[in-house]
Amino acid sequence: MFKLLRHLTVKEMLLIFICLVLVVVQVWLSLTLPDYMALITRLVQTKANAMRDILRAGSMMMLFTVAIFAITFITGFFVAKTSSGLAVRLREKVFKRL
């Protein structure tokens, strides 16, 4: 496995690091969503609630959901780019060896 990883370029290693950071951000956003749901539930149950507060919490949930979607899309693109570049390089080395 590590023999294959030594064929990565610096750009591909950077993309892998960016993907790792993006996945951590994605997980943090996903774990924050239930907190906003609990806040909305608490605001709905109290009588002294303002619709503005409920909408603010709901809009934050929607913003986080869109951010999770965008991060997933970007991460998938970077992973595909990295893996296809590595596959092309490895196939080329195998072909030249034969």
PDB file of N, CA and C in Angstrom:
ATOM      1  N   MET A   1       0.819  -1.190   0.000  1.00  0.00           N
ATOM      2  CA  MET A   1       0.000   0.000   0.000  1.00  0.00           C
ATOM      3  C   MET A   1       0.868   1.261   0.000  1.00  0.00           C
ATOM      4  N   PHE A   2       1.859   1.304   0.887  1.00  0.00           N
ATOM      5  CA  PHE A   2       2.719   2.480   0.957  1.00  0.00           C
ATOM      6  C   PHE A   2       3.603   2.596  -0.282  1.00  0.00           C
ATOM      7  N   LYS A   3       3.875   1.472  -0.947  1.00  0.00           N
ATOM      8  CA  LYS A   3       4.638   1.519  -2.192  1.00  0.00           C
ATOM      9  C   LYS A   3       3.853   2.274  -3.266  1.00  0.00           C
ATOM     10  N   LEU A   4       2.542   2.113  -3.241  1.00  0.00           N
ATOM     11  CA  LEU A   4       1.708   2.821  -4.211  1.00  0.00           C
ATOM     12  C   LEU A   4       1.645   4.315  -3.899  1.00  0.00           C
ATOM     13  N   LEU A   5       1.633   4.664  -2.630  1.00  0.00           N
ATOM     14  CA  LEU A   5       1.497   6.067  -2.240  1.00  0.00           C
ATOM     15  C   LEU A   5       2.725   6.896  -2.584  1.00  0.00           C
ATOM     16  N   ARG A   6       3.863   6.242  -2.768  1.00  0.00           N
ATOM     17  CA  ARG A   6       5.063   7.011  -3.105  1.00  0.00           C
ATOM     18  C   ARG A   6       5.010   7.525  -4.541  1.00  0.00           C
ATOM     19  N   HIS A   7       4.054   7.065  -5.319  1.00  0.00           N
ATOM     20  CA  HIS A   7       3.892   7.533  -6.693  1.00  0.00           C
ATOM     21  C   HIS A   7       3.021   8.783  -6.779  1.00  0.00           C
ATOM     22  N   LEU A   8       2.515   9.252  -5.656  1.00  0.00           N
ATOM     23  CA  LEU A   8       1.701  10.465  -5.650  1.00  0.00           C
ATOM     24  C   LEU A   8       2.574  11.689  -5.857  1.00  0.00           C
ATOM     25  N   THR A   9       2.037  12.668  -6.554  1.00  0.00           N
ATOM     26  CA  THR A   9       2.742  13.935  -6.715  1.00  0.00           C
ATOM     27  C   THR A   9       2.447  14.823  -5.501  1.00  0.00           C
ATOM     28  N   VAL A  10       3.158  15.918  -5.407  1.00  0.00           N
ATOM     29  CA  VAL A  10       2.945  16.853  -4.300  1.00  0.00           C
ATOM     30  C   VAL A  10       1.545  17.454  -4.387  1.00  0.00           C
ATOM     31  N   LYS A  11       1.097  17.743  -5.597  1.00  0.00           N
ATOM     32  CA  LYS A  11      -0.254  18.289  -5.786  1.00  0.00           C
ATOM     33  C   LYS A  11      -1.309  17.303  -5.301  1.00  0.00           C
ATOM     34  N   GLU A  12      -1.117  16.037  -5.611  1.00  0.00           N
ATOM     35  CA  GLU A  12      -2.085  15.024  -5.173  1.00  0.00           C
ATOM     36  C   GLU A  12      -2.062  14.844  -3.661  1.00  0.00           C
ATOM     37  N   MET A  13      -0.894  14.932  -3.057  1.00  0.00           N
ATOM     38  CA  MET A  13      -0.821  14.858  -1.594  1.00  0.00           C
ATOM     39  C   MET A  13      -1.534  16.045  -0.953  1.00  0.00           C
ATOM     40  N   LEU A  14      -1.389  17.206  -1.567  1.00  0.00           N
ATOM     41  CA  LEU A  14      -2.085  18.389  -1.075  1.00  0.00           C
ATOM     42  C   LEU A  14      -3.595  18.215  -1.196  1.00  0.00           C
ATOM     43  N   LEU A  15      -4.050  17.652  -2.297  1.00  0.00           N
ATOM     44  CA  LEU A  15      -5.480  17.392  -2.473  1.00  0.00           C
ATOM     45  C   LEU A  15      -5.995  16.400  -1.427  1.00  0.00           C
ATOM     46  N   ILE A  16      -5.192  15.402  -1.101  1.00  0.00           N
ATOM     47  CA  ILE A  16      -5.585  14.437  -0.068  1.00  0.00           C
ATOM     48  C   ILE A  16      -5.709  15.127   1.283  1.00  0.00           C
ATOM     49  N   PHE A  17      -4.772  16.019   1.594  1.00  0.00           N
ATOM     50  CA  PHE A  17      -4.844  16.762   2.856  1.00  0.00           C
ATOM     51  C   PHE A  17      -6.074  17.671   2.890  1.00  0.00           C
ATOM     52  N   ILE A  18      -6.358  18.342   1.780  1.00  0.00           N
ATOM     53  CA  ILE A  18      -7.547  19.191   1.711  1.00  0.00           C
ATOM     54  C   ILE A  18      -8.804  18.358   1.896  1.00  0.00           C
ATOM     55  N   CYS A  19      -8.851  17.177   1.294  1.00  0.00           N
ATOM     56  CA  CYS A  19     -10.007  16.284   1.464  1.00  0.00           C
ATOM     57  C   CYS A  19     -10.173  15.877   2.922  1.00  0.00           C
ATOM     58  N   LEU A  20      -9.080  15.601   3.585  1.00  0.00           N
ATOM     59  CA  LEU A  20      -9.140  15.234   4.998  1.00  0.00           C
ATOM     60  C   LEU A  20      -9.720  16.373   5.833  1.00  0.00           C
ATOM     61  N   VAL A  21      -9.264  17.584   5.574  1.00  0.00           N
ATOM     62  CA  VAL A  21      -9.788  18.751   6.304  1.00  0.00           C
ATOM     63  C   VAL A  21     -11.272  18.953   5.990  1.00  0.00           C
ATOM     64  N   LEU A  22     -11.648  18.809   4.730  1.00  0.00           N
ATOM     65  CA  LEU A  22     -13.048  18.980   4.347  1.00  0.00           C
ATOM     66  C   LEU A  22     -13.948  17.929   4.998  1.00  0.00           C
ATOM     67  N   VAL A  23     -13.468  16.715   5.120  1.00  0.00           N
ATOM     68  CA  VAL A  23     -14.264  15.666   5.770  1.00  0.00           C
ATOM     69  C   VAL A  23     -14.445  15.978   7.251  1.00  0.00           C
ATOM     70  N   VAL A  24     -13.410  16.504   7.890  1.00  0.00           N
ATOM     71  CA  VAL A  24     -13.530  16.880   9.300  1.00  0.00           C
ATOM     72  C   VAL A  24     -14.567  17.998   9.456  1.00  0.00           C
ATOM     73  N   VAL A  25     -14.529  18.983   8.571  1.00  0.00           N
ATOM     74  CA  VAL A  25     -15.522  20.064   8.618  1.00  0.00           C
ATOM     75  C   VAL A  25     -16.917  19.521   8.361  1.00  0.00           C
ATOM     76  N   GLN A  26     -17.046  18.604   7.424  1.00  0.00           N
ATOM     77  CA  GLN A  26     -18.332  18.006   7.115  1.00  0.00           C
ATOM     78  C   GLN A  26     -18.900  17.250   8.315  1.00  0.00           C
ATOM     79  N   VAL A  27     -18.075  16.511   8.998  1.00  0.00           N
ATOM     80  CA  VAL A  27     -18.530  15.773  10.179  1.00  0.00           C
ATOM     81  C   VAL A  27     -18.938  16.743  11.277  1.00  0.00           C
ATOM     82  N   TRP A  28     -18.164  17.808  11.468  1.00  0.00           N
ATOM     83  CA  TRP A  28     -18.523  18.794  12.488  1.00  0.00           C
ATOM     84  C   TRP A  28     -19.872  19.442  12.176  1.00  0.00           C
ATOM     85  N   LEU A  29     -20.086  19.789  10.908  1.00  0.00           N
ATOM     86  CA  LEU A  29     -21.373  20.372  10.527  1.00  0.00           C
ATOM     87  C   LEU A  29     -22.516  19.376  10.740  1.00  0.00           C
ATOM     88  N   SER A  30     -22.285  18.132  10.400  1.00  0.00           N
ATOM     89  CA  SER A  30     -23.321  17.109  10.584  1.00  0.00           C
ATOM     90  C   SER A  30     -23.645  16.898  12.062  1.00  0.00           C
ATOM     91  N   LEU A  31     -22.646  16.986  12.907  1.00  0.00           N
ATOM     92  CA  LEU A  31     -22.884  16.794  14.340  1.00  0.00           C
ATOM     93  C   LEU A  31     -23.495  18.034  14.991  1.00  0.00           C
ATOM     94  N   THR A  32     -23.438  19.174  14.332  1.00  0.00           N
ATOM     95  CA  THR A  32     -24.034  20.396  14.855  1.00  0.00           C
ATOM     96  C   THR A  32     -25.524  20.485  14.533  1.00  0.00           C
ATOM     97  N   LEU A  33     -25.969  19.827  13.489  1.00  0.00           N
ATOM     98  CA  LEU A  33     -27.373  19.887  13.088  1.00  0.00           C
ATOM     99  C   LEU A  33     -28.348  19.483  14.197  1.00  0.00           C
ATOM    100  N   PRO A  34     -28.120  18.414  14.948  1.00  0.00           N
ATOM    101  CA  PRO A  34     -29.073  18.069  16.013  1.00  0.00           C
ATOM    102  C   PRO A  34     -29.179  19.138  17.107  1.00  0.00           C
ATOM    103  N   ASP A  35     -28.125  19.899  17.327  1.00  0.00           N
ATOM    104  CA  ASP A  35     -28.203  20.985  18.303  1.00  0.00           C
ATOM    105  C   ASP A  35     -29.214  22.041  17.862  1.00  0.00           C
ATOM    106  N   TYR A  36     -29.212  22.368  16.593  1.00  0.00           N
ATOM    107  CA  TYR A  36     -30.182  23.331  16.086  1.00  0.00           C
ATOM    108  C   TYR A  36     -31.599  22.764  16.112  1.00  0.00           C
ATOM    109  N   MET A  37     -31.725  21.473  15.853  1.00  0.00           N
ATOM    110  CA  MET A  37     -33.054  20.853  15.930  1.00  0.00           C
ATOM    111  C   MET A  37     -33.579  20.897  17.357  1.00  0.00           C
ATOM    112  N   ALA A  38     -32.712  20.662  18.327  1.00  0.00           N
ATOM    113  CA  ALA A  38     -33.118  20.748  19.734  1.00  0.00           C
ATOM    114  C   ALA A  38     -33.496  22.179  20.095  1.00  0.00           C
ATOM    115  N   LEU A  39     -32.770  23.147  19.562  1.00  0.00           N
ATOM    116  CA  LEU A  39     -33.091  24.546  19.819  1.00  0.00           C
ATOM    117  C   LEU A  39     -34.462  24.914  19.249  1.00  0.00           C
ATOM    118  N   ILE A  40     -34.727  24.462  18.032  1.00  0.00           N
ATOM    119  CA  ILE A  40     -36.034  24.732  17.426  1.00  0.00           C
ATOM    120  C   ILE A  40     -37.144  24.090  18.249  1.00  0.00           C
ATOM    121  N   THR A  41     -36.933  22.859  18.681  1.00  0.00           N
ATOM    122  CA  THR A  41     -37.934  22.171  19.496  1.00  0.00           C
ATOM    123  C   THR A  41     -38.181  22.927  20.796  1.00  0.00           C
ATOM    124  N   ARG A  42     -37.121  23.385  21.427  1.00  0.00           N
ATOM    125  CA  ARG A  42     -37.257  24.144  22.669  1.00  0.00           C
ATOM    126  C   ARG A  42     -37.981  25.469  22.431  1.00  0.00           C
ATOM    127  N   LEU A  43     -37.674  26.141  21.332  1.00  0.00           N
ATOM    128  CA  LEU A  43     -38.323  27.417  21.025  1.00  0.00           C
ATOM    129  C   LEU A  43     -39.805  27.245  20.729  1.00  0.00           C
ATOM    130  N   VAL A  44     -40.167  26.157  20.075  1.00  0.00           N
ATOM    131  CA  VAL A  44     -41.573  25.906  19.752  1.00  0.00           C
ATOM    132  C   VAL A  44     -42.365  25.593  21.017  1.00  0.00           C
ATOM    133  N   GLN A  45     -41.743  24.927  21.964  1.00  0.00           N
ATOM    134  CA  GLN A  45     -42.459  24.518  23.175  1.00  0.00           C
ATOM    135  C   GLN A  45     -42.651  25.661  24.169  1.00  0.00           C
ATOM    136  N   THR A  46     -41.821  26.666  24.117  1.00  0.00           N
ATOM    137  CA  THR A  46     -41.993  27.783  25.045  1.00  0.00           C
ATOM    138  C   THR A  46     -42.989  28.774  24.476  1.00  0.00           C
ATOM    139  N   LYS A  47     -43.723  29.423  25.341  1.00  0.00           N
ATOM    140  CA  LYS A  47     -44.745  30.358  24.879  1.00  0.00           C
ATOM    141  C   LYS A  47     -44.150  31.695  24.471  1.00  0.00           C
ATOM    142  N   ALA A  48     -43.046  32.072  25.069  1.00  0.00           N
ATOM    143  CA  ALA A  48     -42.437  33.370  24.773  1.00  0.00           C
ATOM    144  C   ALA A  48     -41.405  33.243  23.651  1.00  0.00           C
ATOM    145  N   ASN A  49     -41.800  32.583  22.583  1.00  0.00           N
ATOM    146  CA  ASN A  49     -40.851  32.423  21.480  1.00  0.00           C
ATOM    147  C   ASN A  49     -41.133  33.462  20.404  1.00  0.00           C
ATOM    148  N   ALA A  50     -40.123  33.759  19.674  1.00  0.00           N
ATOM    149  CA  ALA A  50     -40.274  34.669  18.545  1.00  0.00           C
ATOM    150  C   ALA A  50     -40.054  33.859  17.272  1.00  0.00           C
ATOM    151  N   MET A  51     -40.922  34.089  16.335  1.00  0.00           N
ATOM    152  CA  MET A  51     -40.818  33.365  15.063  1.00  0.00           C
ATOM    153  C   MET A  51     -39.461  33.660  14.412  1.00  0.00           C
ATOM    154  N   ARG A  52     -38.934  34.827  14.667  1.00  0.00           N
ATOM    155  CA  ARG A  52     -37.634  35.217  14.116  1.00  0.00           C
ATOM    156  C   ARG A  52     -36.537  34.258  14.601  1.00  0.00           C
ATOM    157  N   ASP A  53     -36.572  33.869  15.889  1.00  0.00           N
ATOM    158  CA  ASP A  53     -35.567  32.956  16.431  1.00  0.00           C
ATOM    159  C   ASP A  53     -35.682  31.566  15.819  1.00  0.00           C
ATOM    160  N   ILE A  54     -36.908  31.121  15.618  1.00  0.00           N
ATOM    161  CA  ILE A  54     -37.128  29.806  15.002  1.00  0.00           C
ATOM    162  C   ILE A  54     -36.624  29.810  13.559  1.00  0.00           C
ATOM    163  N   LEU A  55     -36.951  30.876  12.836  1.00  0.00           N
ATOM    164  CA  LEU A  55     -36.494  30.964  11.445  1.00  0.00           C
ATOM    165  C   LEU A  55     -34.979  31.089  11.356  1.00  0.00           C
ATOM    166  N   ARG A  56     -34.366  31.772  12.316  1.00  0.00           N
ATOM    167  CA  ARG A  56     -32.915  31.897  12.316  1.00  0.00           C
ATOM    168  C   ARG A  56     -32.258  30.527  12.516  1.00  0.00           C
ATOM    169  N   ALA A  57     -32.774  29.763  13.472  1.00  0.00           N
ATOM    170  CA  ALA A  57     -32.214  28.425  13.710  1.00  0.00           C
ATOM    171  C   ALA A  57     -32.462  27.518  12.504  1.00  0.00           C
ATOM    172  N   GLY A  58     -33.647  27.618  11.905  1.00  0.00           N
ATOM    173  CA  GLY A  58     -33.947  26.808  10.722  1.00  0.00           C
ATOM    174  C   GLY A  58     -33.085  27.186   9.532  1.00  0.00           C
ATOM    175  N   SER A  59     -32.834  28.485   9.378  1.00  0.00           N
ATOM    176  CA  SER A  59     -31.981  28.904   8.259  1.00  0.00           C
ATOM    177  C   SER A  59     -30.532  28.462   8.475  1.00  0.00           C
ATOM    178  N   MET A  60     -30.078  28.423   9.721  1.00  0.00           N
ATOM    179  CA  MET A  60     -28.741  27.900   9.996  1.00  0.00           C
ATOM    180  C   MET A  60     -28.662  26.415   9.644  1.00  0.00           C
ATOM    181  N   MET A  61     -29.721  25.687   9.957  1.00  0.00           N
ATOM    182  CA  MET A  61     -29.750  24.264   9.593  1.00  0.00           C
ATOM    183  C   MET A  61     -29.679  24.103   8.071  1.00  0.00           C
ATOM    184  N   MET A  62     -30.436  24.922   7.355  1.00  0.00           N
ATOM    185  CA  MET A  62     -30.419  24.834   5.895  1.00  0.00           C
ATOM    186  C   MET A  62     -29.048  25.226   5.339  1.00  0.00           C
ATOM    187  N   LEU A  63     -28.443  26.248   5.921  1.00  0.00           N
ATOM    188  CA  LEU A  63     -27.109  26.662   5.493  1.00  0.00           C
ATOM    189  C   LEU A  63     -26.092  25.556   5.719  1.00  0.00           C
ATOM    190  N   PHE A  64     -26.153  24.902   6.881  1.00  0.00           N
ATOM    191  CA  PHE A  64     -25.246  23.796   7.158  1.00  0.00           C
ATOM    192  C   PHE A  64     -25.480  22.639   6.193  1.00  0.00           C
ATOM    193  N   THR A  65     -26.726  22.376   5.861  1.00  0.00           N
ATOM    194  CA  THR A  65     -27.042  21.284   4.934  1.00  0.00           C
ATOM    195  C   THR A  65     -26.476  21.569   3.545  1.00  0.00           C
ATOM    196  N   VAL A  66     -26.629  22.799   3.085  1.00  0.00           N
ATOM    197  CA  VAL A  66     -26.070  23.181   1.778  1.00  0.00           C
ATOM    198  C   VAL A  66     -24.542  23.107   1.817  1.00  0.00           C
ATOM    199  N   ALA A  67     -23.948  23.522   2.930  1.00  0.00           N
ATOM    200  CA  ALA A  67     -22.489  23.446   3.068  1.00  0.00           C
ATOM    201  C   ALA A  67     -22.013  21.992   3.045  1.00  0.00           C
ATOM    202  N   ILE A  68     -22.750  21.101   3.715  1.00  0.00           N
ATOM    203  CA  ILE A  68     -22.399  19.678   3.705  1.00  0.00           C
ATOM    204  C   ILE A  68     -22.468  19.127   2.283  1.00  0.00           C
ATOM    205  N   PHE A  69     -23.512  19.522   1.552  1.00  0.00           N
ATOM    206  CA  PHE A  69     -23.655  19.076   0.163  1.00  0.00           C
ATOM    207  C   PHE A  69     -22.477  19.568  -0.678  1.00  0.00           C
ATOM    208  N   ALA A  70     -22.117  20.841  -0.534  1.00  0.00           N
ATOM    209  CA  ALA A  70     -21.024  21.413  -1.322  1.00  0.00           C
ATOM    210  C   ALA A  70     -19.699  20.745  -0.967  1.00  0.00           C
ATOM    211  N   ILE A  71     -19.470  20.516   0.318  1.00  0.00           N
ATOM    212  CA  ILE A  71     -18.225  19.875   0.745  1.00  0.00           C
ATOM    213  C   ILE A  71     -18.146  18.449   0.209  1.00  0.00           C
ATOM    214  N   THR A  72     -19.261  17.735   0.220  1.00  0.00           N
ATOM    215  CA  THR A  72     -19.292  16.377  -0.319  1.00  0.00           C
ATOM    216  C   THR A  72     -18.958  16.372  -1.806  1.00  0.00           C
ATOM    217  N   PHE A  73     -19.522  17.310  -2.536  1.00  0.00           N
ATOM    218  CA  PHE A  73     -19.269  17.415  -3.970  1.00  0.00           C
ATOM    219  C   PHE A  73     -17.801  17.730  -4.243  1.00  0.00           C
ATOM    220  N   ILE A  74     -17.243  18.710  -3.533  1.00  0.00           N
ATOM    221  CA  ILE A  74     -15.844  19.107  -3.723  1.00  0.00           C
ATOM    222  C   ILE A  74     -14.898  17.962  -3.351  1.00  0.00           C
ATOM    223  N   THR A  75     -15.184  17.291  -2.242  1.00  0.00           N
ATOM    224  CA  THR A  75     -14.342  16.180  -1.812  1.00  0.00           C
ATOM    225  C   THR A  75     -14.372  15.050  -2.840  1.00  0.00           C
ATOM    226  N   GLY A  76     -15.537  14.738  -3.340  1.00  0.00           N
ATOM    227  CA  GLY A  76     -15.646  13.697  -4.372  1.00  0.00           C
ATOM    228  C   GLY A  76     -14.865  14.045  -5.617  1.00  0.00           C
ATOM    229  N   PHE A  77     -14.913  15.311  -6.012  1.00  0.00           N
ATOM    230  CA  PHE A  77     -14.158  15.751  -7.185  1.00  0.00           C
ATOM    231  C   PHE A  77     -12.657  15.601  -6.961  1.00  0.00           C
ATOM    232  N   PHE A  78     -12.183  16.051  -5.797  1.00  0.00           N
ATOM    233  CA  PHE A  78     -10.747  15.956  -5.499  1.00  0.00           C
ATOM    234  C   PHE A  78     -10.286  14.508  -5.402  1.00  0.00           C
ATOM    235  N   VAL A  79     -11.095  13.652  -4.802  1.00  0.00           N
ATOM    236  CA  VAL A  79     -10.730  12.237  -4.688  1.00  0.00           C
ATOM    237  C   VAL A  79     -10.670  11.592  -6.070  1.00  0.00           C
ATOM    238  N   ALA A  80     -11.635  11.895  -6.917  1.00  0.00           N
ATOM    239  CA  ALA A  80     -11.629  11.331  -8.274  1.00  0.00           C
ATOM    240  C   ALA A  80     -10.424  11.817  -9.062  1.00  0.00           C
ATOM    241  N   LYS A  81     -10.104  13.097  -8.918  1.00  0.00           N
ATOM    242  CA  LYS A  81      -8.947  13.652  -9.627  1.00  0.00           C
ATOM    243  C   LYS A  81      -7.648  12.999  -9.156  1.00  0.00           C
ATOM    244  N   THR A  82      -7.517  12.825  -7.851  1.00  0.00           N
ATOM    245  CA  THR A  82      -6.308  12.213  -7.298  1.00  0.00           C
ATOM    246  C   THR A  82      -6.188  10.755  -7.707  1.00  0.00           C
ATOM    247  N   SER A  83      -7.269  10.014  -7.582  1.00  0.00           N
ATOM    248  CA  SER A  83      -7.202   8.582  -7.898  1.00  0.00           C
ATOM    249  C   SER A  83      -6.987   8.333  -9.387  1.00  0.00           C
ATOM    250  N   SER A  84      -7.601   9.141 -10.236  1.00  0.00           N
ATOM    251  CA  SER A  84      -7.388   8.930 -11.666  1.00  0.00           C
ATOM    252  C   SER A  84      -5.962   9.304 -12.077  1.00  0.00           C
ATOM    253  N   GLY A  85      -5.411  10.346 -11.475  1.00  0.00           N
ATOM    254  CA  GLY A  85      -4.022  10.709 -11.774  1.00  0.00           C
ATOM    255  C   GLY A  85      -3.049   9.625 -11.352  1.00  0.00           C
ATOM    256  N   LEU A  86      -3.276   9.064 -10.164  1.00  0.00           N
ATOM    257  CA  LEU A  86      -2.425   7.977  -9.692  1.00  0.00           C
ATOM    258  C   LEU A  86      -2.578   6.739 -10.573  1.00  0.00           C
ATOM    259  N   ALA A  87      -3.810   6.430 -10.967  1.00  0.00           N
ATOM    260  CA  ALA A  87      -4.043   5.253 -11.807  1.00  0.00           C
ATOM    261  C   ALA A  87      -3.359   5.406 -13.164  1.00  0.00           C
ATOM    262  N   VAL A  88      -3.426   6.592 -13.741  1.00  0.00           N
ATOM    263  CA  VAL A  88      -2.773   6.821 -15.036  1.00  0.00           C
ATOM    264  C   VAL A  88      -1.265   6.637 -14.905  1.00  0.00           C
ATOM    265  N   ARG A  89      -0.701   7.195 -13.851  1.00  0.00           N
ATOM    266  CA  ARG A  89       0.751   7.090 -13.643  1.00  0.00           C
ATOM    267  C   ARG A  89       1.173   5.641 -13.424  1.00  0.00           C
ATOM    268  N   LEU A  90       0.408   4.890 -12.637  1.00  0.00           N
ATOM    269  CA  LEU A  90       0.754   3.489 -12.379  1.00  0.00           C
ATOM    270  C   LEU A  90       0.611   2.634 -13.638  1.00  0.00           C
ATOM    271  N   ARG A  91      -0.436   2.872 -14.422  1.00  0.00           N
ATOM    272  CA  ARG A  91      -0.601   2.117 -15.678  1.00  0.00           C
ATOM    273  C   ARG A  91       0.538   2.408 -16.636  1.00  0.00           C
ATOM    274  N   GLU A  92       0.948   3.665 -16.675  1.00  0.00           N
ATOM    275  CA  GLU A  92       2.052   4.042 -17.547  1.00  0.00           C
ATOM    276  C   GLU A  92       3.347   3.342 -17.131  1.00  0.00           C
ATOM    277  N   LYS A  93       3.597   3.259 -15.851  1.00  0.00           N
ATOM    278  CA  LYS A  93       4.814   2.592 -15.368  1.00  0.00           C
ATOM    279  C   LYS A  93       4.761   1.092 -15.621  1.00  0.00           C
ATOM    280  N   VAL A  94       3.606   0.487 -15.473  1.00  0.00           N
ATOM    281  CA  VAL A  94       3.463  -0.948 -15.745  1.00  0.00           C
ATOM    282  C   VAL A  94       3.648  -1.199 -17.230  1.00  0.00           C
ATOM    283  N   PHE A  95       3.067  -0.351 -18.090  1.00  0.00           N
ATOM    284  CA  PHE A  95       3.189  -0.525 -19.527  1.00  0.00           C
ATOM    285  C   PHE A  95       4.629  -0.379 -19.986  1.00  0.00           C
ATOM    286  N   LYS A  96       5.330   0.593 -19.428  1.00  0.00           N
ATOM    287  CA  LYS A  96       6.742   0.801 -19.828  1.00  0.00           C
ATOM    288  C   LYS A  96       7.636  -0.328 -19.339  1.00  0.00           C
ATOM    289  N   ARG A  97       7.252  -0.969 -18.246  1.00  0.00           N
ATOM    290  CA  ARG A  97       8.038  -2.064 -17.705  1.00  0.00           C
ATOM    291  C   ARG A  97       7.911  -3.304 -18.579  1.00  0.00           C
ATOM    292  N   LEU A  98       6.756  -3.518 -19.189  1.00  0.00           N
ATOM    293  CA  LEU A  98       6.523  -4.708 -20.009  1.00  0.00           C
ATOM    294  C   LEU A  98       7.173  -4.552 -21.311  1.00  0.00           C
TER     295      LEU A  98
END
